[in-house]
Amino acid sequence: MSLETLLTYQDQGMNARSRGLGHDANPFLARERMPQETGEPVAEWREKAEAWLFGWLLENAWVSDASPADAR
């Protein structure tokens, strides 16, 4: 997978978190996108799923660190 593609999936995860979606909104966890359904190699699917989750976690850490005092 290219670095650009990896960053795209991370960005999608960050956007999902900023919209208030949970980590379970990872589109790669949907049954129809699982390797058993698509025939995609597990390693490739895992890279995508983990990139999305990493982006979500980055945004979550950013949001969690922001406190009401920071907003002033």
PDB file of N, CA and C in Angstrom:
ATOM      1  N   MET A   1       0.858  -1.170   0.000  1.00  0.00           N
ATOM      2  CA  MET A   1       0.000   0.000   0.000  1.00  0.00           C
ATOM      3  C   MET A   1       0.907   1.236   0.000  1.00  0.00           C
ATOM      4  N   SER A   2       0.515   2.209  -0.757  1.00  0.00           N
ATOM      5  CA  SER A   2       1.312   3.435  -0.846  1.00  0.00           C
ATOM      6  C   SER A   2       1.120   4.279   0.413  1.00  0.00           C
ATOM      7  N   LEU A   3       2.084   5.121   0.668  1.00  0.00           N
ATOM      8  CA  LEU A   3       2.001   6.019   1.813  1.00  0.00           C
ATOM      9  C   LEU A   3       0.790   6.946   1.679  1.00  0.00           C
ATOM     10  N   GLU A   4       0.539   7.397   0.469  1.00  0.00           N
ATOM     11  CA  GLU A   4      -0.610   8.284   0.232  1.00  0.00           C
ATOM     12  C   GLU A   4      -1.929   7.591   0.597  1.00  0.00           C
ATOM     13  N   THR A   5      -2.053   6.334   0.223  1.00  0.00           N
ATOM     14  CA  THR A   5      -3.264   5.577   0.544  1.00  0.00           C
ATOM     15  C   THR A   5      -3.392   5.383   2.046  1.00  0.00           C
ATOM     16  N   LEU A   6      -2.288   5.058   2.688  1.00  0.00           N
ATOM     17  CA  LEU A   6      -2.275   4.875   4.133  1.00  0.00           C
ATOM     18  C   LEU A   6      -2.724   6.152   4.839  1.00  0.00           C
ATOM     19  N   LEU A   7      -2.200   7.282   4.397  1.00  0.00           N
ATOM     20  CA  LEU A   7      -2.583   8.569   4.991  1.00  0.00           C
ATOM     21  C   LEU A   7      -4.045   8.904   4.727  1.00  0.00           C
ATOM     22  N   THR A   8      -4.554   8.489   3.590  1.00  0.00           N
ATOM     23  CA  THR A   8      -5.973   8.704   3.281  1.00  0.00           C
ATOM     24  C   THR A   8      -6.855   7.960   4.279  1.00  0.00           C
ATOM     25  N   TYR A   9      -6.499   6.714   4.580  1.00  0.00           N
ATOM     26  CA  TYR A   9      -7.280   5.939   5.547  1.00  0.00           C
ATOM     27  C   TYR A   9      -7.167   6.552   6.948  1.00  0.00           C
ATOM     28  N   GLN A  10      -5.982   7.039   7.305  1.00  0.00           N
ATOM     29  CA  GLN A  10      -5.827   7.698   8.597  1.00  0.00           C
ATOM     30  C   GLN A  10      -6.697   8.946   8.661  1.00  0.00           C
ATOM     31  N   ASP A  11      -6.717   9.703   7.589  1.00  0.00           N
ATOM     32  CA  ASP A  11      -7.531  10.917   7.529  1.00  0.00           C
ATOM     33  C   ASP A  11      -9.016  10.574   7.674  1.00  0.00           C
ATOM     34  N   GLN A  12      -9.442   9.497   7.049  1.00  0.00           N
ATOM     35  CA  GLN A  12     -10.837   9.078   7.174  1.00  0.00           C
ATOM     36  C   GLN A  12     -11.185   8.732   8.619  1.00  0.00           C
ATOM     37  N   GLY A  13     -10.256   8.079   9.313  1.00  0.00           N
ATOM     38  CA  GLY A  13     -10.476   7.755  10.723  1.00  0.00           C
ATOM     39  C   GLY A  13     -10.556   9.009  11.578  1.00  0.00           C
ATOM     40  N   MET A  14      -9.676   9.965  11.300  1.00  0.00           N
ATOM     41  CA  MET A  14      -9.700  11.223  12.036  1.00  0.00           C
ATOM     42  C   MET A  14     -11.015  11.958  11.804  1.00  0.00           C
ATOM     43  N   ASN A  15     -11.459  11.979  10.561  1.00  0.00           N
ATOM     44  CA  ASN A  15     -12.721  12.651  10.244  1.00  0.00           C
ATOM     45  C   ASN A  15     -13.901  11.983  10.937  1.00  0.00           C
ATOM     46  N   ALA A  16     -13.872  10.670  10.991  1.00  0.00           N
ATOM     47  CA  ALA A  16     -14.961   9.943  11.659  1.00  0.00           C
ATOM     48  C   ALA A  16     -15.023  10.326  13.135  1.00  0.00           C
ATOM     49  N   ARG A  17     -13.861  10.370  13.785  1.00  0.00           N
ATOM     50  CA  ARG A  17     -13.830  10.725  15.210  1.00  0.00           C
ATOM     51  C   ARG A  17     -14.286  12.162  15.422  1.00  0.00           C
ATOM     52  N   SER A  18     -13.878  13.056  14.544  1.00  0.00           N
ATOM     53  CA  SER A  18     -14.270  14.460  14.701  1.00  0.00           C
ATOM     54  C   SER A  18     -15.773  14.646  14.488  1.00  0.00           C
ATOM     55  N   ARG A  19     -16.403  13.711  13.773  1.00  0.00           N
ATOM     56  CA  ARG A  19     -17.863  13.751  13.597  1.00  0.00           C
ATOM     57  C   ARG A  19     -18.587  13.047  14.742  1.00  0.00           C
ATOM     58  N   GLY A  20     -17.806  12.527  15.706  1.00  0.00           N
ATOM     59  CA  GLY A  20     -18.411  11.911  16.879  1.00  0.00           C
ATOM     60  C   GLY A  20     -18.658  10.417  16.752  1.00  0.00           C
ATOM     61  N   LEU A  21     -18.156   9.803  15.692  1.00  0.00           N
ATOM     62  CA  LEU A  21     -18.352   8.367  15.529  1.00  0.00           C
ATOM     63  C   LEU A  21     -17.379   7.595  16.410  1.00  0.00           C
ATOM     64  N   GLY A  22     -17.774   6.420  16.829  1.00  0.00           N
ATOM     65  CA  GLY A  22     -16.920   5.570  17.650  1.00  0.00           C
ATOM     66  C   GLY A  22     -15.931   4.778  16.812  1.00  0.00           C
ATOM     67  N   HIS A  23     -14.979   4.153  17.486  1.00  0.00           N
ATOM     68  CA  HIS A  23     -13.977   3.369  16.766  1.00  0.00           C
ATOM     69  C   HIS A  23     -14.602   2.170  16.054  1.00  0.00           C
ATOM     70  N   ASP A  24     -15.780   1.774  16.501  1.00  0.00           N
ATOM     71  CA  ASP A  24     -16.473   0.664  15.847  1.00  0.00           C
ATOM     72  C   ASP A  24     -17.098   1.081  14.512  1.00  0.00           C
ATOM     73  N   ALA A  25     -16.968   2.344  14.140  1.00  0.00           N
ATOM     74  CA  ALA A  25     -17.445   2.816  12.835  1.00  0.00           C
ATOM     75  C   ALA A  25     -16.428   2.540  11.735  1.00  0.00           C
ATOM     76  N   ASN A  26     -15.332   1.903  12.079  1.00  0.00           N
ATOM     77  CA  ASN A  26     -14.292   1.564  11.107  1.00  0.00           C
ATOM     78  C   ASN A  26     -14.924   0.779   9.961  1.00  0.00           C
ATOM     79  N   PRO A  27     -14.903   1.332   8.747  1.00  0.00           N
ATOM     80  CA  PRO A  27     -15.577   0.670   7.625  1.00  0.00           C
ATOM     81  C   PRO A  27     -14.955  -0.680   7.259  1.00  0.00           C
ATOM     82  N   PHE A  28     -13.719  -0.900   7.657  1.00  0.00           N
ATOM     83  CA  PHE A  28     -13.063  -2.159   7.339  1.00  0.00           C
ATOM     84  C   PHE A  28     -13.520  -3.296   8.244  1.00  0.00           C
ATOM     85  N   LEU A  29     -14.313  -2.968   9.266  1.00  0.00           N
ATOM     86  CA  LEU A  29     -14.870  -3.988  10.138  1.00  0.00           C
ATOM     87  C   LEU A  29     -16.242  -4.459   9.664  1.00  0.00           C
ATOM     88  N   ALA A  30     -16.760  -3.824   8.632  1.00  0.00           N
ATOM     89  CA  ALA A  30     -18.047  -4.240   8.067  1.00  0.00           C
ATOM     90  C   ALA A  30     -17.881  -5.615   7.420  1.00  0.00           C
ATOM     91  N   ARG A  31     -18.850  -6.451   7.605  1.00  0.00           N
ATOM     92  CA  ARG A  31     -18.777  -7.831   7.101  1.00  0.00           C
ATOM     93  C   ARG A  31     -18.378  -7.902   5.627  1.00  0.00           C
ATOM     94  N   GLU A  32     -18.957  -7.029   4.813  1.00  0.00           N
ATOM     95  CA  GLU A  32     -18.703  -7.086   3.370  1.00  0.00           C
ATOM     96  C   GLU A  32     -17.289  -6.635   2.987  1.00  0.00           C
ATOM     97  N   ARG A  33     -16.564  -6.046   3.940  1.00  0.00           N
ATOM     98  CA  ARG A  33     -15.180  -5.607   3.657  1.00  0.00           C
ATOM     99  C   ARG A  33     -14.137  -6.476   4.337  1.00  0.00           C
ATOM    100  N   MET A  34     -14.590  -7.539   4.997  1.00  0.00           N
ATOM    101  CA  MET A  34     -13.672  -8.460   5.666  1.00  0.00           C
ATOM    102  C   MET A  34     -13.016  -9.371   4.627  1.00  0.00           C
ATOM    103  N   PRO A  35     -11.785  -9.796   4.897  1.00  0.00           N
ATOM    104  CA  PRO A  35     -11.060 -10.640   3.940  1.00  0.00           C
ATOM    105  C   PRO A  35     -11.800 -11.931   3.562  1.00  0.00           C
ATOM    106  N   GLN A  36     -12.578 -12.469   4.490  1.00  0.00           N
ATOM    107  CA  GLN A  36     -13.338 -13.686   4.192  1.00  0.00           C
ATOM    108  C   GLN A  36     -14.361 -13.459   3.091  1.00  0.00           C
ATOM    109  N   GLU A  37     -14.859 -12.226   3.006  1.00  0.00           N
ATOM    110  CA  GLU A  37     -15.858 -11.880   1.994  1.00  0.00           C
ATOM    111  C   GLU A  37     -15.229 -11.393   0.694  1.00  0.00           C
ATOM    112  N   THR A  38     -14.141 -10.613   0.809  1.00  0.00           N
ATOM    113  CA  THR A  38     -13.563  -9.981  -0.375  1.00  0.00           C
ATOM    114  C   THR A  38     -12.470 -10.809  -1.038  1.00  0.00           C
ATOM    115  N   GLY A  39     -11.885 -11.728  -0.281  1.00  0.00           N
ATOM    116  CA  GLY A  39     -10.774 -12.497  -0.817  1.00  0.00           C
ATOM    117  C   GLY A  39      -9.446 -11.749  -0.746  1.00  0.00           C
ATOM    118  N   GLU A  40      -9.483 -10.551  -0.187  1.00  0.00           N
ATOM    119  CA  GLU A  40      -8.275  -9.737  -0.039  1.00  0.00           C
ATOM    120  C   GLU A  40      -7.337 -10.415   0.966  1.00  0.00           C
ATOM    121  N   PRO A  41      -6.035 -10.345   0.731  1.00  0.00           N
ATOM    122  CA  PRO A  41      -5.100 -10.895   1.724  1.00  0.00           C
ATOM    123  C   PRO A  41      -5.296 -10.212   3.084  1.00  0.00           C
ATOM    124  N   VAL A  42      -5.237 -10.995   4.134  1.00  0.00           N
ATOM    125  CA  VAL A  42      -5.477 -10.483   5.482  1.00  0.00           C
ATOM    126  C   VAL A  42      -4.501  -9.358   5.820  1.00  0.00           C
ATOM    127  N   ALA A  43      -3.255  -9.488   5.416  1.00  0.00           N
ATOM    128  CA  ALA A  43      -2.256  -8.457   5.730  1.00  0.00           C
ATOM    129  C   ALA A  43      -2.638  -7.107   5.112  1.00  0.00           C
ATOM    130  N   GLU A  44      -3.155  -7.107   3.899  1.00  0.00           N
ATOM    131  CA  GLU A  44      -3.565  -5.854   3.251  1.00  0.00           C
ATOM    132  C   GLU A  44      -4.776  -5.248   3.951  1.00  0.00           C
ATOM    133  N   TRP A  45      -5.760  -6.108   4.269  1.00  0.00           N
ATOM    134  CA  TRP A  45      -6.947  -5.629   4.973  1.00  0.00           C
ATOM    135  C   TRP A  45      -6.558  -5.039   6.321  1.00  0.00           C
ATOM    136  N   ARG A  46      -5.665  -5.731   7.013  1.00  0.00           N
ATOM    137  CA  ARG A  46      -5.253  -5.273   8.338  1.00  0.00           C
ATOM    138  C   ARG A  46      -4.563  -3.912   8.285  1.00  0.00           C
ATOM    139  N   GLU A  47      -3.724  -3.684   7.278  1.00  0.00           N
ATOM    140  CA  GLU A  47      -3.075  -2.377   7.125  1.00  0.00           C
ATOM    141  C   GLU A  47      -4.112  -1.265   7.006  1.00  0.00           C
ATOM    142  N   LYS A  48      -5.129  -1.512   6.222  1.00  0.00           N
ATOM    143  CA  LYS A  48      -6.181  -0.514   6.027  1.00  0.00           C
ATOM    144  C   LYS A  48      -6.955  -0.268   7.321  1.00  0.00           C
ATOM    145  N   ALA A  49      -7.379  -1.359   7.959  1.00  0.00           N
ATOM    146  CA  ALA A  49      -8.155  -1.246   9.189  1.00  0.00           C
ATOM    147  C   ALA A  49      -7.355  -0.541  10.276  1.00  0.00           C
ATOM    148  N   GLU A  50      -6.076  -0.882  10.392  1.00  0.00           N
ATOM    149  CA  GLU A  50      -5.242  -0.266  11.422  1.00  0.00           C
ATOM    150  C   GLU A  50      -4.922   1.191  11.109  1.00  0.00           C
ATOM    151  N   ALA A  51      -4.767   1.523   9.838  1.00  0.00           N
ATOM    152  CA  ALA A  51      -4.531   2.922   9.469  1.00  0.00           C
ATOM    153  C   ALA A  51      -5.740   3.772   9.839  1.00  0.00           C
ATOM    154  N   TRP A  52      -6.928   3.282   9.541  1.00  0.00           N
ATOM    155  CA  TRP A  52      -8.151   4.005   9.887  1.00  0.00           C
ATOM    156  C   TRP A  52      -8.231   4.182  11.406  1.00  0.00           C
ATOM    157  N   LEU A  53      -7.991   3.095  12.143  1.00  0.00           N
ATOM    158  CA  LEU A  53      -8.067   3.155  13.604  1.00  0.00           C
ATOM    159  C   LEU A  53      -7.012   4.098  14.173  1.00  0.00           C
ATOM    160  N   PHE A  54      -5.815   4.086  13.624  1.00  0.00           N
ATOM    161  CA  PHE A  54      -4.762   4.982  14.087  1.00  0.00           C
ATOM    162  C   PHE A  54      -5.195   6.436  13.935  1.00  0.00           C
ATOM    163  N   GLY A  55      -5.783   6.770  12.800  1.00  0.00           N
ATOM    164  CA  GLY A  55      -6.284   8.131  12.600  1.00  0.00           C
ATOM    165  C   GLY A  55      -7.357   8.477  13.617  1.00  0.00           C
ATOM    166  N   TRP A  56      -8.248   7.530  13.869  1.00  0.00           N
ATOM    167  CA  TRP A  56      -9.314   7.746  14.848  1.00  0.00           C
ATOM    168  C   TRP A  56      -8.705   7.990  16.223  1.00  0.00           C
ATOM    169  N   LEU A  57      -7.712   7.173  16.590  1.00  0.00           N
ATOM    170  CA  LEU A  57      -7.077   7.300  17.898  1.00  0.00           C
ATOM    171  C   LEU A  57      -6.314   8.625  18.036  1.00  0.00           C
ATOM    172  N   LEU A  58      -5.665   9.060  16.968  1.00  0.00           N
ATOM    173  CA  LEU A  58      -4.975  10.358  17.003  1.00  0.00           C
ATOM    174  C   LEU A  58      -5.963  11.481  17.302  1.00  0.00           C
ATOM    175  N   GLU A  59      -7.063  11.481  16.580  1.00  0.00           N
ATOM    176  CA  GLU A  59      -8.072  12.525  16.777  1.00  0.00           C
ATOM    177  C   GLU A  59      -8.682  12.412  18.168  1.00  0.00           C
ATOM    178  N   ASN A  60      -8.896  11.198  18.632  1.00  0.00           N
ATOM    179  CA  ASN A  60      -9.461  10.992  19.958  1.00  0.00           C
ATOM    180  C   ASN A  60      -8.532  11.531  21.038  1.00  0.00           C
ATOM    181  N   ALA A  61      -7.234  11.294  20.880  1.00  0.00           N
ATOM    182  CA  ALA A  61      -6.270  11.816  21.856  1.00  0.00           C
ATOM    183  C   ALA A  61      -6.288  13.336  21.859  1.00  0.00           C
ATOM    184  N   TRP A  62      -6.387  13.924  20.697  1.00  0.00           N
ATOM    185  CA  TRP A  62      -6.422  15.381  20.583  1.00  0.00           C
ATOM    186  C   TRP A  62      -7.669  15.936  21.263  1.00  0.00           C
ATOM    187  N   VAL A  63      -8.803  15.331  20.987  1.00  0.00           N
ATOM    188  CA  VAL A  63     -10.071  15.786  21.553  1.00  0.00           C
ATOM    189  C   VAL A  63     -10.095  15.543  23.060  1.00  0.00           C
ATOM    190  N   SER A  64      -9.590  14.389  23.500  1.00  0.00           N
ATOM    191  CA  SER A  64      -9.587  14.053  24.920  1.00  0.00           C
ATOM    192  C   SER A  64      -8.674  14.968  25.720  1.00  0.00           C
ATOM    193  N   ASP A  65      -7.592  15.438  25.110  1.00  0.00           N
ATOM    194  CA  ASP A  65      -6.656  16.324  25.801  1.00  0.00           C
ATOM    195  C   ASP A  65      -7.207  17.739  25.948  1.00  0.00           C
ATOM    196  N   ALA A  66      -8.127  18.098  25.083  1.00  0.00           N
ATOM    197  CA  ALA A  66      -8.709  19.447  25.149  1.00  0.00           C
ATOM    198  C   ALA A  66      -9.672  19.492  26.335  1.00  0.00           C
ATOM    199  N   SER A  67      -9.478  20.435  27.176  1.00  0.00           N
ATOM    200  CA  SER A  67     -10.360  20.601  28.315  1.00  0.00           C
ATOM    201  C   SER A  67     -11.079  21.939  28.199  1.00  0.00           C
ATOM    202  N   PRO A  68     -12.124  22.157  28.972  1.00  0.00           N
ATOM    203  CA  PRO A  68     -12.829  23.446  28.922  1.00  0.00           C
ATOM    204  C   PRO A  68     -11.890  24.623  29.183  1.00  0.00           C
ATOM    205  N   ALA A  69     -10.875  24.435  30.006  1.00  0.00           N
ATOM    206  CA  ALA A  69      -9.941  25.530  30.287  1.00  0.00           C
ATOM    207  C   ALA A  69      -9.144  25.893  29.024  1.00  0.00           C
ATOM    208  N   ASP A  70      -8.893  24.903  28.167  1.00  0.00           N
ATOM    209  CA  ASP A  70      -8.164  25.162  26.917  1.00  0.00           C
ATOM    210  C   ASP A  70      -8.996  26.001  25.944  1.00  0.00           C
ATOM    211  N   ALA A  71     -10.286  25.959  26.082  1.00  0.00           N
ATOM    212  CA  ALA A  71     -11.161  26.657  25.156  1.00  0.00           C
ATOM    213  C   ALA A  71     -11.214  28.165  25.420  1.00  0.00           C
ATOM    214  N   ARG A  72     -10.762  28.596  26.567  1.00  0.00           N
ATOM    215  CA  ARG A  72     -10.828  30.017  26.915  1.00  0.00           C
ATOM    216  C   ARG A  72      -9.906  30.869  26.125  1.00  0.00           C
TER     217      ARG A  72
END
